[in-house]
Every structure is written in C-alpha cells, then in structure tokens.
Amino acid sequence: MENNQIVLVGYAVKDAELRYTKTGKAVCLFSIATNKRISEDKEISSFHNVVAWTYAEEVGTIQKGQPVIVVGSVQTRSYEKSGEKRYITEVIADRVGIQLVKQKDVDSHYDVFVKNDEEIPF
C-alpha cells in the first residue's frame, strides 16, 4: 500500500481542461473545492489542482459545479517563471468519479419490492 494517498470529495471549480503532450498522450487538468466544517456555522474551503493521466479523455468531460471524487497522491513540483523558481502542489489522480449525491425529495420505492410486512426477512 502506498503511504501517499488522498481521497477528496468536492465540486469542480471550472470545466476540466484536456491537453495533449508532444507525444500525443492525453492529460486532464481540473480543480476541485472541498469544504471542512470547523463549527456549526463556519466552513473552510480548500482548492486542489488535479492532474489525471489515466482515462484523461473521459475525465475531461467534468464540468464546473459537478460533484467529484478523486483518489490519488499528492505531489509537489517546481518550475521556473521569469527566472524565479516556483512550486506547485497537485493531486495526481489514480481514479476520478462522479460523486453519488443523495437526492432530496425522492419517494422511496420500498412498496415495489415488498408487498406486505410479513415478507421482510428480519
């Protein structure tokens, strides 16, 4: 098992951006926002840059506001801009999925499966 593993559940900040390397390999870049409740009436938002190499073209369909789950590892890299060394921290995604959101105001389908209480096995 890898020690550097992160699971993020949040919302896409903007539409995913699909790019291709010089060799033609697809890579998808997007950001998600996550929230942490620190008290009953206060939350802190964090923003995470995500890089997806696996299934990049499918992940590239993520749209702003869409709930997303990301499983991956945290990586910090450096680059130079205008002669100045800069650092960026990203999540390298192993898996990306659409978050399963509980639907509000949806009727139960309990009555479709059980005709009477005597059929319940417990």
N, C-alpha and C. Protein backbone atom coordinates (compact mmCIF):
# COMPACT_ATOMS: atom_id res chain seq x y z
N MET A 1 0.84 -1.18 0.00
CA MET A 1 0.00 0.00 0.00
C MET A 1 0.88 1.25 0.00
N GLU A 2 0.46 2.22 -0.72
CA GLU A 2 1.20 3.47 -0.83
C GLU A 2 0.86 4.37 0.36
N ASN A 3 1.87 5.00 0.94
CA ASN A 3 1.66 5.88 2.09
C ASN A 3 1.12 7.25 1.68
N ASN A 4 1.38 7.66 0.47
CA ASN A 4 0.95 8.97 -0.01
C ASN A 4 -0.34 8.80 -0.80
N GLN A 5 -1.46 8.70 -0.10
CA GLN A 5 -2.75 8.55 -0.78
C GLN A 5 -3.74 9.52 -0.19
N ILE A 6 -4.53 10.13 -1.07
CA ILE A 6 -5.51 11.11 -0.64
C ILE A 6 -6.84 10.81 -1.34
N VAL A 7 -7.92 11.05 -0.63
CA VAL A 7 -9.26 10.93 -1.20
C VAL A 7 -9.93 12.28 -0.98
N LEU A 8 -10.37 12.89 -2.06
CA LEU A 8 -11.03 14.19 -2.00
C LEU A 8 -12.45 14.06 -2.53
N VAL A 9 -13.37 14.67 -1.84
CA VAL A 9 -14.76 14.72 -2.26
C VAL A 9 -15.14 16.19 -2.31
N GLY A 10 -15.49 16.66 -3.50
CA GLY A 10 -15.80 18.08 -3.63
C GLY A 10 -16.51 18.39 -4.93
N TYR A 11 -16.37 19.64 -5.37
CA TYR A 11 -17.04 20.11 -6.58
C TYR A 11 -16.03 20.73 -7.53
N ALA A 12 -16.20 20.48 -8.82
CA ALA A 12 -15.31 21.06 -9.82
C ALA A 12 -15.44 22.57 -9.82
N VAL A 13 -14.31 23.26 -9.79
CA VAL A 13 -14.29 24.72 -9.74
C VAL A 13 -14.55 25.31 -11.13
N LYS A 14 -14.07 24.62 -12.16
CA LYS A 14 -14.31 25.05 -13.55
C LYS A 14 -14.30 23.81 -14.42
N ASP A 15 -14.65 23.97 -15.68
CA ASP A 15 -14.64 22.84 -16.61
C ASP A 15 -13.23 22.26 -16.71
N ALA A 16 -13.15 20.94 -16.81
CA ALA A 16 -11.86 20.27 -16.96
C ALA A 16 -11.21 20.68 -18.29
N GLU A 17 -9.88 20.72 -18.28
CA GLU A 17 -9.13 21.09 -19.47
C GLU A 17 -8.35 19.87 -19.96
N LEU A 18 -8.64 19.45 -21.17
CA LEU A 18 -7.96 18.30 -21.76
C LEU A 18 -6.82 18.80 -22.65
N ARG A 19 -5.61 18.29 -22.37
CA ARG A 19 -4.43 18.67 -23.16
C ARG A 19 -3.74 17.41 -23.66
N TYR A 20 -2.82 17.62 -24.58
CA TYR A 20 -2.04 16.51 -25.12
C TYR A 20 -0.56 16.87 -25.06
N THR A 21 0.26 15.90 -24.68
CA THR A 21 1.70 16.11 -24.66
C THR A 21 2.23 16.12 -26.09
N LYS A 22 3.50 16.43 -26.26
CA LYS A 22 4.12 16.43 -27.59
C LYS A 22 4.06 15.06 -28.23
N THR A 23 4.02 14.01 -27.39
CA THR A 23 3.95 12.64 -27.92
C THR A 23 2.52 12.17 -28.14
N GLY A 24 1.54 13.03 -27.86
CA GLY A 24 0.15 12.69 -28.09
C GLY A 24 -0.57 12.06 -26.92
N LYS A 25 0.06 11.99 -25.76
CA LYS A 25 -0.59 11.41 -24.58
C LYS A 25 -1.54 12.44 -23.96
N ALA A 26 -2.76 12.00 -23.67
CA ALA A 26 -3.77 12.89 -23.10
C ALA A 26 -3.54 13.09 -21.60
N VAL A 27 -3.80 14.32 -21.14
CA VAL A 27 -3.76 14.64 -19.72
C VAL A 27 -4.90 15.62 -19.44
N CYS A 28 -5.57 15.42 -18.33
CA CYS A 28 -6.70 16.27 -17.96
C CYS A 28 -6.34 17.05 -16.71
N LEU A 29 -6.58 18.36 -16.74
CA LEU A 29 -6.31 19.24 -15.62
C LEU A 29 -7.63 19.85 -15.15
N PHE A 30 -7.85 19.81 -13.84
CA PHE A 30 -9.02 20.47 -13.28
C PHE A 30 -8.77 20.77 -11.81
N SER A 31 -9.63 21.56 -11.23
CA SER A 31 -9.52 21.91 -9.81
C SER A 31 -10.83 21.58 -9.13
N ILE A 32 -10.72 21.17 -7.85
CA ILE A 32 -11.94 20.95 -7.08
C ILE A 32 -11.86 21.73 -5.77
N ALA A 33 -13.01 22.06 -5.26
CA ALA A 33 -13.13 22.73 -3.97
C ALA A 33 -13.68 21.72 -2.97
N THR A 34 -13.07 21.69 -1.79
CA THR A 34 -13.57 20.85 -0.70
C THR A 34 -13.87 21.76 0.48
N ASN A 35 -14.79 21.33 1.33
CA ASN A 35 -15.17 22.11 2.50
C ASN A 35 -14.94 21.31 3.77
N LYS A 36 -14.52 22.01 4.80
CA LYS A 36 -14.34 21.41 6.11
C LYS A 36 -15.11 22.25 7.12
N ARG A 37 -16.04 21.61 7.80
CA ARG A 37 -16.83 22.32 8.81
C ARG A 37 -15.99 22.42 10.07
N ILE A 38 -15.77 23.66 10.55
CA ILE A 38 -14.98 23.84 11.77
C ILE A 38 -15.86 24.21 12.96
N SER A 39 -17.08 24.60 12.69
CA SER A 39 -18.06 24.84 13.75
C SER A 39 -19.44 24.73 13.12
N GLU A 40 -20.45 24.87 13.91
CA GLU A 40 -21.82 24.69 13.41
C GLU A 40 -22.16 25.68 12.30
N ASP A 41 -21.57 26.86 12.35
CA ASP A 41 -21.93 27.89 11.37
C ASP A 41 -20.75 28.37 10.52
N LYS A 42 -19.62 27.63 10.53
CA LYS A 42 -18.47 28.06 9.74
C LYS A 42 -17.79 26.89 9.04
N GLU A 43 -17.48 27.12 7.75
CA GLU A 43 -16.75 26.15 6.94
C GLU A 43 -15.52 26.81 6.34
N ILE A 44 -14.50 26.02 6.12
CA ILE A 44 -13.30 26.49 5.42
C ILE A 44 -13.24 25.76 4.09
N SER A 45 -13.06 26.50 3.01
CA SER A 45 -12.93 25.90 1.68
C SER A 45 -11.46 25.78 1.31
N SER A 46 -11.12 24.67 0.68
CA SER A 46 -9.77 24.45 0.15
C SER A 46 -9.90 24.12 -1.33
N PHE A 47 -8.89 24.52 -2.10
CA PHE A 47 -8.90 24.28 -3.54
C PHE A 47 -7.71 23.42 -3.90
N HIS A 48 -7.95 22.41 -4.75
CA HIS A 48 -6.95 21.42 -5.08
C HIS A 48 -6.82 21.30 -6.60
N ASN A 49 -5.58 21.40 -7.09
CA ASN A 49 -5.31 21.18 -8.51
C ASN A 49 -5.16 19.67 -8.72
N VAL A 50 -5.82 19.15 -9.75
CA VAL A 50 -5.80 17.72 -10.02
C VAL A 50 -5.28 17.48 -11.43
N VAL A 51 -4.40 16.48 -11.56
CA VAL A 51 -3.86 16.06 -12.85
C VAL A 51 -4.25 14.60 -13.06
N ALA A 52 -4.96 14.32 -14.14
CA ALA A 52 -5.40 12.95 -14.42
C ALA A 52 -4.80 12.47 -15.74
N TRP A 53 -3.95 11.46 -15.65
CA TRP A 53 -3.36 10.84 -16.83
C TRP A 53 -4.19 9.63 -17.24
N THR A 54 -4.69 8.90 -16.27
CA THR A 54 -5.48 7.70 -16.53
C THR A 54 -6.89 8.13 -16.92
N TYR A 55 -7.39 7.62 -18.02
CA TYR A 55 -8.73 7.95 -18.53
C TYR A 55 -8.91 9.46 -18.70
N ALA A 56 -7.86 10.13 -19.13
CA ALA A 56 -7.89 11.59 -19.23
C ALA A 56 -9.01 12.10 -20.12
N GLU A 57 -9.27 11.42 -21.22
CA GLU A 57 -10.30 11.90 -22.14
C GLU A 57 -11.70 11.79 -21.52
N GLU A 58 -11.94 10.73 -20.74
CA GLU A 58 -13.23 10.59 -20.06
C GLU A 58 -13.37 11.61 -18.94
N VAL A 59 -12.28 11.80 -18.20
CA VAL A 59 -12.28 12.77 -17.10
C VAL A 59 -12.45 14.19 -17.63
N GLY A 60 -12.01 14.41 -18.86
CA GLY A 60 -12.10 15.72 -19.49
C GLY A 60 -13.51 16.23 -19.68
N THR A 61 -14.51 15.41 -19.41
CA THR A 61 -15.91 15.84 -19.55
C THR A 61 -16.46 16.48 -18.28
N ILE A 62 -15.68 16.52 -17.21
CA ILE A 62 -16.14 17.11 -15.94
C ILE A 62 -16.42 18.59 -16.16
N GLN A 63 -17.55 19.04 -15.61
CA GLN A 63 -17.96 20.42 -15.79
C GLN A 63 -18.02 21.15 -14.45
N LYS A 64 -17.92 22.46 -14.52
CA LYS A 64 -17.96 23.32 -13.34
C LYS A 64 -19.19 23.00 -12.49
N GLY A 65 -18.98 22.87 -11.18
CA GLY A 65 -20.07 22.61 -10.26
C GLY A 65 -20.42 21.16 -10.08
N GLN A 66 -19.85 20.29 -10.88
CA GLN A 66 -20.16 18.87 -10.81
C GLN A 66 -19.50 18.25 -9.58
N PRO A 67 -20.25 17.44 -8.80
CA PRO A 67 -19.64 16.76 -7.66
C PRO A 67 -18.67 15.69 -8.14
N VAL A 68 -17.49 15.61 -7.52
CA VAL A 68 -16.42 14.73 -7.98
C VAL A 68 -15.74 14.07 -6.78
N ILE A 69 -15.30 12.83 -6.99
CA ILE A 69 -14.46 12.11 -6.03
C ILE A 69 -13.12 11.86 -6.73
N VAL A 70 -12.02 12.17 -6.05
CA VAL A 70 -10.68 11.95 -6.59
C VAL A 70 -9.88 11.11 -5.61
N VAL A 71 -9.26 10.04 -6.11
CA VAL A 71 -8.34 9.23 -5.32
C VAL A 71 -6.99 9.32 -6.02
N GLY A 72 -5.97 9.68 -5.26
CA GLY A 72 -4.66 9.83 -5.88
C GLY A 72 -3.58 10.08 -4.85
N SER A 73 -2.51 10.72 -5.29
CA SER A 73 -1.39 11.03 -4.41
C SER A 73 -1.02 12.50 -4.57
N VAL A 74 -0.44 13.06 -3.52
CA VAL A 74 -0.04 14.46 -3.52
C VAL A 74 1.39 14.56 -4.03
N GLN A 75 1.60 15.52 -4.93
CA GLN A 75 2.94 15.71 -5.50
C GLN A 75 3.24 17.21 -5.55
N THR A 76 4.43 17.59 -5.15
CA THR A 76 4.89 18.97 -5.27
C THR A 76 6.01 19.00 -6.29
N ARG A 77 5.92 19.92 -7.23
CA ARG A 77 6.96 20.05 -8.25
C ARG A 77 7.35 21.51 -8.35
N SER A 78 8.48 21.74 -8.99
CA SER A 78 8.95 23.12 -9.17
C SER A 78 9.10 23.42 -10.66
N TYR A 79 9.04 24.70 -10.97
CA TYR A 79 9.26 25.16 -12.34
C TYR A 79 9.79 26.59 -12.26
N GLU A 80 10.32 27.07 -13.35
CA GLU A 80 10.84 28.44 -13.37
C GLU A 80 9.96 29.32 -14.24
N LYS A 81 9.70 30.51 -13.73
CA LYS A 81 8.93 31.50 -14.48
C LYS A 81 9.60 32.85 -14.28
N SER A 82 9.99 33.47 -15.35
CA SER A 82 10.70 34.76 -15.32
C SER A 82 11.95 34.68 -14.45
N GLY A 83 12.66 33.56 -14.52
CA GLY A 83 13.89 33.38 -13.76
C GLY A 83 13.69 33.08 -12.28
N GLU A 84 12.45 32.95 -11.86
CA GLU A 84 12.13 32.70 -10.46
C GLU A 84 11.61 31.27 -10.30
N LYS A 85 12.15 30.55 -9.33
CA LYS A 85 11.71 29.19 -9.08
C LYS A 85 10.39 29.22 -8.30
N ARG A 86 9.42 28.46 -8.81
CA ARG A 86 8.10 28.39 -8.17
C ARG A 86 7.74 26.94 -7.89
N TYR A 87 6.86 26.77 -6.94
CA TYR A 87 6.43 25.43 -6.54
C TYR A 87 4.92 25.33 -6.66
N ILE A 88 4.47 24.14 -7.03
CA ILE A 88 3.03 23.88 -7.11
C ILE A 88 2.76 22.49 -6.54
N THR A 89 1.68 22.40 -5.78
CA THR A 89 1.27 21.12 -5.22
C THR A 89 0.02 20.67 -5.97
N GLU A 90 0.04 19.41 -6.42
CA GLU A 90 -1.06 18.86 -7.21
C GLU A 90 -1.43 17.48 -6.69
N VAL A 91 -2.64 17.07 -7.00
CA VAL A 91 -3.07 15.70 -6.74
C VAL A 91 -2.98 14.96 -8.07
N ILE A 92 -2.17 13.92 -8.10
CA ILE A 92 -2.06 13.08 -9.30
C ILE A 92 -3.12 11.99 -9.13
N ALA A 93 -4.16 12.07 -9.94
CA ALA A 93 -5.33 11.19 -9.78
C ALA A 93 -5.05 9.78 -10.28
N ASP A 94 -5.39 8.81 -9.46
CA ASP A 94 -5.40 7.41 -9.89
C ASP A 94 -6.80 7.05 -10.39
N ARG A 95 -7.80 7.61 -9.70
CA ARG A 95 -9.19 7.37 -10.06
C ARG A 95 -10.00 8.65 -9.85
N VAL A 96 -10.92 8.88 -10.76
CA VAL A 96 -11.81 10.04 -10.68
C VAL A 96 -13.21 9.55 -10.97
N GLY A 97 -14.15 9.98 -10.17
CA GLY A 97 -15.53 9.57 -10.40
C GLY A 97 -16.51 10.66 -10.05
N ILE A 98 -17.71 10.45 -10.51
CA ILE A 98 -18.80 11.37 -10.19
C ILE A 98 -19.28 11.02 -8.79
N GLN A 99 -19.41 12.01 -7.96
CA GLN A 99 -19.85 11.79 -6.59
C GLN A 99 -21.31 11.37 -6.58
N LEU A 100 -21.63 10.40 -5.76
CA LEU A 100 -23.01 9.97 -5.61
C LEU A 100 -23.66 10.86 -4.57
N VAL A 101 -24.58 11.67 -5.03
CA VAL A 101 -25.22 12.64 -4.16
C VAL A 101 -26.61 12.14 -3.79
N LYS A 102 -26.93 12.20 -2.51
CA LYS A 102 -28.25 11.79 -2.05
C LYS A 102 -29.27 12.76 -2.63
N GLN A 103 -30.28 12.21 -3.28
CA GLN A 103 -31.31 13.04 -3.88
C GLN A 103 -32.32 13.44 -2.82
N LYS A 104 -32.71 14.69 -2.85
CA LYS A 104 -33.70 15.19 -1.91
C LYS A 104 -35.09 15.02 -2.50
N ASP A 105 -36.05 14.86 -1.62
CA ASP A 105 -37.46 14.78 -2.02
C ASP A 105 -37.74 13.67 -3.04
N VAL A 106 -37.09 12.53 -2.88
CA VAL A 106 -37.33 11.39 -3.75
C VAL A 106 -38.11 10.36 -2.96
N ASP A 107 -39.20 9.89 -3.54
CA ASP A 107 -40.03 8.90 -2.87
C ASP A 107 -39.29 7.57 -2.77
N SER A 108 -39.56 6.85 -1.72
CA SER A 108 -38.98 5.52 -1.54
C SER A 108 -39.68 4.55 -2.48
N HIS A 109 -38.93 3.54 -2.93
CA HIS A 109 -39.50 2.50 -3.78
C HIS A 109 -39.70 1.22 -2.99
N TYR A 110 -39.80 1.36 -1.69
CA TYR A 110 -39.96 0.23 -0.79
C TYR A 110 -41.16 -0.63 -1.17
N ASP A 111 -42.27 0.01 -1.49
CA ASP A 111 -43.51 -0.72 -1.77
C ASP A 111 -43.43 -1.56 -3.05
N VAL A 112 -42.51 -1.27 -3.93
CA VAL A 112 -42.35 -2.04 -5.16
C VAL A 112 -41.77 -3.42 -4.85
N PHE A 113 -40.90 -3.50 -3.86
CA PHE A 113 -40.20 -4.73 -3.55
C PHE A 113 -40.91 -5.59 -2.51
N VAL A 114 -41.62 -4.99 -1.60
CA VAL A 114 -42.26 -5.74 -0.52
C VAL A 114 -43.76 -5.45 -0.54
N LYS A 115 -44.54 -6.52 -0.67
CA LYS A 115 -46.00 -6.36 -0.75
C LYS A 115 -46.62 -6.23 0.64
N ASN A 116 -46.05 -6.91 1.62
CA ASN A 116 -46.54 -6.74 2.98
C ASN A 116 -45.39 -6.98 3.96
N ASP A 117 -45.59 -6.57 5.19
CA ASP A 117 -44.52 -6.64 6.20
C ASP A 117 -44.10 -8.08 6.51
N GLU A 118 -44.93 -9.06 6.24
CA GLU A 118 -44.59 -10.45 6.54
C GLU A 118 -43.49 -10.97 5.61
N GLU A 119 -43.27 -10.32 4.48
CA GLU A 119 -42.23 -10.75 3.54
C GLU A 119 -40.83 -10.27 3.93
N ILE A 120 -40.74 -9.38 4.92
CA ILE A 120 -39.44 -8.87 5.35
C ILE A 120 -38.72 -9.98 6.12
N PRO A 121 -37.48 -10.34 5.74
CA PRO A 121 -36.80 -11.47 6.35
C PRO A 121 -36.21 -11.22 7.73
N PHE A 122 -36.43 -10.09 8.34
CA PHE A 122 -35.87 -9.83 9.68
C PHE A 122 -36.89 -9.24 10.60
